[in-house]
Amino acid sequence: MREAKVYENNMYKCDIRSAENLEKIYDARREWTNGIYNYDRLLSKNEIAELLNDNLVAVEGLEEINEEDLKNMK
């Protein structure tokens, strides 16, 4: 079972990609499909929730997530 890797203070390493247009969405998903992630941001669950409105978010251990995945995270 996939599980998000939790860091100190309930923070998660994330790769945030723009979802402003279809080309950026395809580019992000193509990289992620090829296993290319850049987990360069350490964010709280609330910060991730805010970003999901306008971005694609991958969390270390889960890869790309959606609102349902976020609800199931610790």
N, C-alpha and C. Protein backbone atom coordinates (compact mmCIF):
# COMPACT_ATOMS: atom_id res chain seq x y z
N MET A 1 0.84 -1.19 0.00
CA MET A 1 0.00 0.00 0.00
C MET A 1 0.88 1.25 0.00
N ARG A 2 0.50 2.21 -0.80
CA ARG A 2 1.24 3.47 -0.87
C ARG A 2 0.96 4.29 0.38
N GLU A 3 1.99 4.96 0.85
CA GLU A 3 1.84 5.80 2.03
C GLU A 3 2.77 7.00 1.91
N ALA A 4 2.24 8.17 2.23
CA ALA A 4 3.04 9.39 2.18
C ALA A 4 4.14 9.34 3.23
N LYS A 5 5.32 9.78 2.86
CA LYS A 5 6.43 9.86 3.81
C LYS A 5 6.26 11.15 4.61
N VAL A 6 6.14 11.02 5.92
CA VAL A 6 5.90 12.17 6.79
C VAL A 6 7.22 12.58 7.44
N TYR A 7 7.48 13.88 7.40
CA TYR A 7 8.70 14.42 8.00
C TYR A 7 8.35 15.15 9.29
N GLU A 8 9.35 15.71 9.91
CA GLU A 8 9.20 16.44 11.16
C GLU A 8 8.04 17.45 11.07
N ASN A 9 7.30 17.61 12.16
CA ASN A 9 6.18 18.55 12.25
C ASN A 9 5.07 18.28 11.24
N ASN A 10 4.84 17.00 10.90
CA ASN A 10 3.79 16.60 9.96
C ASN A 10 3.90 17.32 8.62
N MET A 11 5.10 17.37 8.09
CA MET A 11 5.36 18.00 6.80
C MET A 11 5.62 16.92 5.75
N TYR A 12 5.35 17.25 4.51
CA TYR A 12 5.49 16.32 3.39
C TYR A 12 6.34 16.96 2.30
N LYS A 13 7.23 16.17 1.70
CA LYS A 13 8.01 16.65 0.56
C LYS A 13 7.14 16.55 -0.68
N CYS A 14 7.05 17.67 -1.40
CA CYS A 14 6.13 17.74 -2.54
C CYS A 14 6.81 18.24 -3.80
N ASP A 15 6.27 17.81 -4.92
CA ASP A 15 6.62 18.31 -6.24
C ASP A 15 5.37 19.01 -6.74
N ILE A 16 5.44 20.32 -6.90
CA ILE A 16 4.29 21.12 -7.33
C ILE A 16 4.47 21.49 -8.79
N ARG A 17 3.47 21.24 -9.59
CA ARG A 17 3.52 21.58 -11.02
C ARG A 17 2.28 22.39 -11.39
N SER A 18 2.46 23.32 -12.27
CA SER A 18 1.38 24.18 -12.73
C SER A 18 0.34 23.38 -13.51
N ALA A 19 -0.92 23.72 -13.31
CA ALA A 19 -2.00 23.10 -14.08
C ALA A 19 -2.76 24.19 -14.84
N GLU A 20 -2.03 25.26 -15.22
CA GLU A 20 -2.69 26.40 -15.86
C GLU A 20 -3.14 26.12 -17.28
N ASN A 21 -2.52 25.12 -17.94
CA ASN A 21 -3.00 24.75 -19.27
C ASN A 21 -2.69 23.28 -19.53
N LEU A 22 -3.31 22.76 -20.56
CA LEU A 22 -3.19 21.33 -20.87
C LEU A 22 -1.75 20.92 -21.15
N GLU A 23 -0.98 21.76 -21.81
CA GLU A 23 0.40 21.42 -22.12
C GLU A 23 1.23 21.21 -20.85
N LYS A 24 1.05 22.07 -19.86
CA LYS A 24 1.79 21.93 -18.61
C LYS A 24 1.36 20.69 -17.84
N ILE A 25 0.07 20.39 -17.89
CA ILE A 25 -0.44 19.18 -17.23
C ILE A 25 0.16 17.93 -17.89
N TYR A 26 0.15 17.88 -19.21
CA TYR A 26 0.74 16.74 -19.93
C TYR A 26 2.22 16.61 -19.63
N ASP A 27 2.95 17.74 -19.63
CA ASP A 27 4.39 17.71 -19.35
C ASP A 27 4.67 17.13 -17.95
N ALA A 28 3.91 17.60 -16.96
CA ALA A 28 4.11 17.13 -15.59
C ALA A 28 3.82 15.64 -15.48
N ARG A 29 2.71 15.23 -16.03
CA ARG A 29 2.33 13.81 -15.92
C ARG A 29 3.28 12.92 -16.71
N ARG A 30 3.80 13.40 -17.82
CA ARG A 30 4.78 12.63 -18.60
C ARG A 30 6.04 12.41 -17.76
N GLU A 31 6.54 13.47 -17.12
CA GLU A 31 7.72 13.32 -16.26
C GLU A 31 7.44 12.38 -15.11
N TRP A 32 6.29 12.54 -14.46
CA TRP A 32 5.96 11.69 -13.32
C TRP A 32 5.81 10.24 -13.74
N THR A 33 5.22 9.99 -14.91
CA THR A 33 5.09 8.63 -15.41
C THR A 33 6.46 8.00 -15.60
N ASN A 34 7.44 8.82 -15.97
CA ASN A 34 8.81 8.34 -16.16
C ASN A 34 9.62 8.35 -14.86
N GLY A 35 8.95 8.60 -13.74
CA GLY A 35 9.62 8.55 -12.44
C GLY A 35 10.45 9.77 -12.11
N ILE A 36 10.22 10.87 -12.82
CA ILE A 36 10.99 12.10 -12.59
C ILE A 36 10.19 13.02 -11.67
N TYR A 37 10.61 13.05 -10.41
CA TYR A 37 9.97 13.89 -9.40
C TYR A 37 11.01 14.85 -8.82
N ASN A 38 10.57 16.02 -8.44
CA ASN A 38 11.45 17.00 -7.81
C ASN A 38 10.80 17.40 -6.49
N TYR A 39 10.98 16.57 -5.48
CA TYR A 39 10.37 16.83 -4.17
C TYR A 39 11.18 17.91 -3.46
N ASP A 40 10.96 19.16 -3.86
CA ASP A 40 11.77 20.26 -3.37
C ASP A 40 11.05 21.20 -2.40
N ARG A 41 9.80 20.91 -2.10
CA ARG A 41 9.06 21.77 -1.18
C ARG A 41 8.54 20.94 -0.01
N LEU A 42 8.74 21.45 1.19
CA LEU A 42 8.26 20.80 2.41
C LEU A 42 7.02 21.55 2.85
N LEU A 43 5.87 20.87 2.79
CA LEU A 43 4.58 21.53 3.03
C LEU A 43 3.72 20.77 4.03
N SER A 44 2.85 21.53 4.69
CA SER A 44 1.86 20.93 5.58
C SER A 44 0.66 20.45 4.76
N LYS A 45 -0.17 19.67 5.39
CA LYS A 45 -1.38 19.17 4.72
C LYS A 45 -2.28 20.33 4.27
N ASN A 46 -2.41 21.37 5.09
CA ASN A 46 -3.23 22.53 4.72
C ASN A 46 -2.66 23.27 3.51
N GLU A 47 -1.34 23.41 3.47
CA GLU A 47 -0.71 24.07 2.33
C GLU A 47 -0.92 23.27 1.05
N ILE A 48 -0.84 21.96 1.16
CA ILE A 48 -1.08 21.09 0.00
C ILE A 48 -2.51 21.26 -0.48
N ALA A 49 -3.46 21.29 0.45
CA ALA A 49 -4.88 21.44 0.09
C ALA A 49 -5.10 22.73 -0.71
N GLU A 50 -4.47 23.81 -0.29
CA GLU A 50 -4.61 25.08 -1.00
C GLU A 50 -4.03 24.99 -2.41
N LEU A 51 -2.91 24.32 -2.55
CA LEU A 51 -2.24 24.21 -3.86
C LEU A 51 -3.00 23.33 -4.83
N LEU A 52 -3.75 22.35 -4.32
CA LEU A 52 -4.48 21.43 -5.20
C LEU A 52 -5.53 22.13 -6.05
N ASN A 53 -5.95 23.31 -5.65
CA ASN A 53 -6.97 24.04 -6.42
C ASN A 53 -6.47 24.42 -7.82
N ASP A 54 -5.19 24.78 -7.94
CA ASP A 54 -4.67 25.29 -9.20
C ASP A 54 -3.42 24.58 -9.70
N ASN A 55 -3.02 23.51 -9.02
CA ASN A 55 -1.78 22.84 -9.36
C ASN A 55 -1.92 21.33 -9.29
N LEU A 56 -0.96 20.65 -9.90
CA LEU A 56 -0.81 19.21 -9.71
C LEU A 56 0.19 19.05 -8.57
N VAL A 57 -0.07 18.12 -7.69
CA VAL A 57 0.80 17.91 -6.54
C VAL A 57 1.16 16.44 -6.44
N ALA A 58 2.46 16.19 -6.31
CA ALA A 58 2.96 14.83 -6.03
C ALA A 58 3.58 14.88 -4.64
N VAL A 59 3.27 13.88 -3.82
CA VAL A 59 3.81 13.79 -2.47
C VAL A 59 4.71 12.55 -2.41
N GLU A 60 5.86 12.71 -1.82
CA GLU A 60 6.80 11.59 -1.72
C GLU A 60 6.11 10.40 -1.06
N GLY A 61 6.14 9.27 -1.73
CA GLY A 61 5.52 8.06 -1.24
C GLY A 61 4.17 7.79 -1.88
N LEU A 62 3.50 8.84 -2.35
CA LEU A 62 2.19 8.67 -2.97
C LEU A 62 2.18 9.00 -4.46
N GLU A 63 3.14 9.77 -4.91
CA GLU A 63 3.16 10.31 -6.27
C GLU A 63 2.03 11.32 -6.40
N GLU A 64 1.39 11.42 -7.57
CA GLU A 64 0.35 12.46 -7.76
C GLU A 64 -0.84 12.17 -6.84
N ILE A 65 -1.34 13.23 -6.21
CA ILE A 65 -2.48 13.06 -5.30
C ILE A 65 -3.66 13.92 -5.74
N ASN A 66 -4.82 13.60 -5.16
CA ASN A 66 -6.02 14.40 -5.34
C ASN A 66 -6.61 14.65 -3.95
N GLU A 67 -7.78 15.27 -3.89
CA GLU A 67 -8.39 15.61 -2.60
C GLU A 67 -8.67 14.38 -1.75
N GLU A 68 -9.07 13.29 -2.39
CA GLU A 68 -9.37 12.05 -1.64
C GLU A 68 -8.10 11.50 -0.99
N ASP A 69 -7.00 11.51 -1.75
CA ASP A 69 -5.72 11.05 -1.18
C ASP A 69 -5.31 11.92 0.00
N LEU A 70 -5.52 13.22 -0.14
CA LEU A 70 -5.16 14.16 0.91
C LEU A 70 -5.93 13.86 2.19
N LYS A 71 -7.22 13.54 2.08
CA LYS A 71 -8.04 13.21 3.24
C LYS A 71 -7.51 11.99 3.99
N ASN A 72 -6.93 11.04 3.23
CA ASN A 72 -6.44 9.80 3.81
C ASN A 72 -5.03 9.89 4.39
N MET A 73 -4.36 11.02 4.17
CA MET A 73 -3.03 11.19 4.70
C MET A 73 -3.11 11.47 6.18
N LYS A 74 -2.09 11.04 6.95
CA LYS A 74 -2.06 11.23 8.40
C LYS A 74 -2.02 12.69 8.78
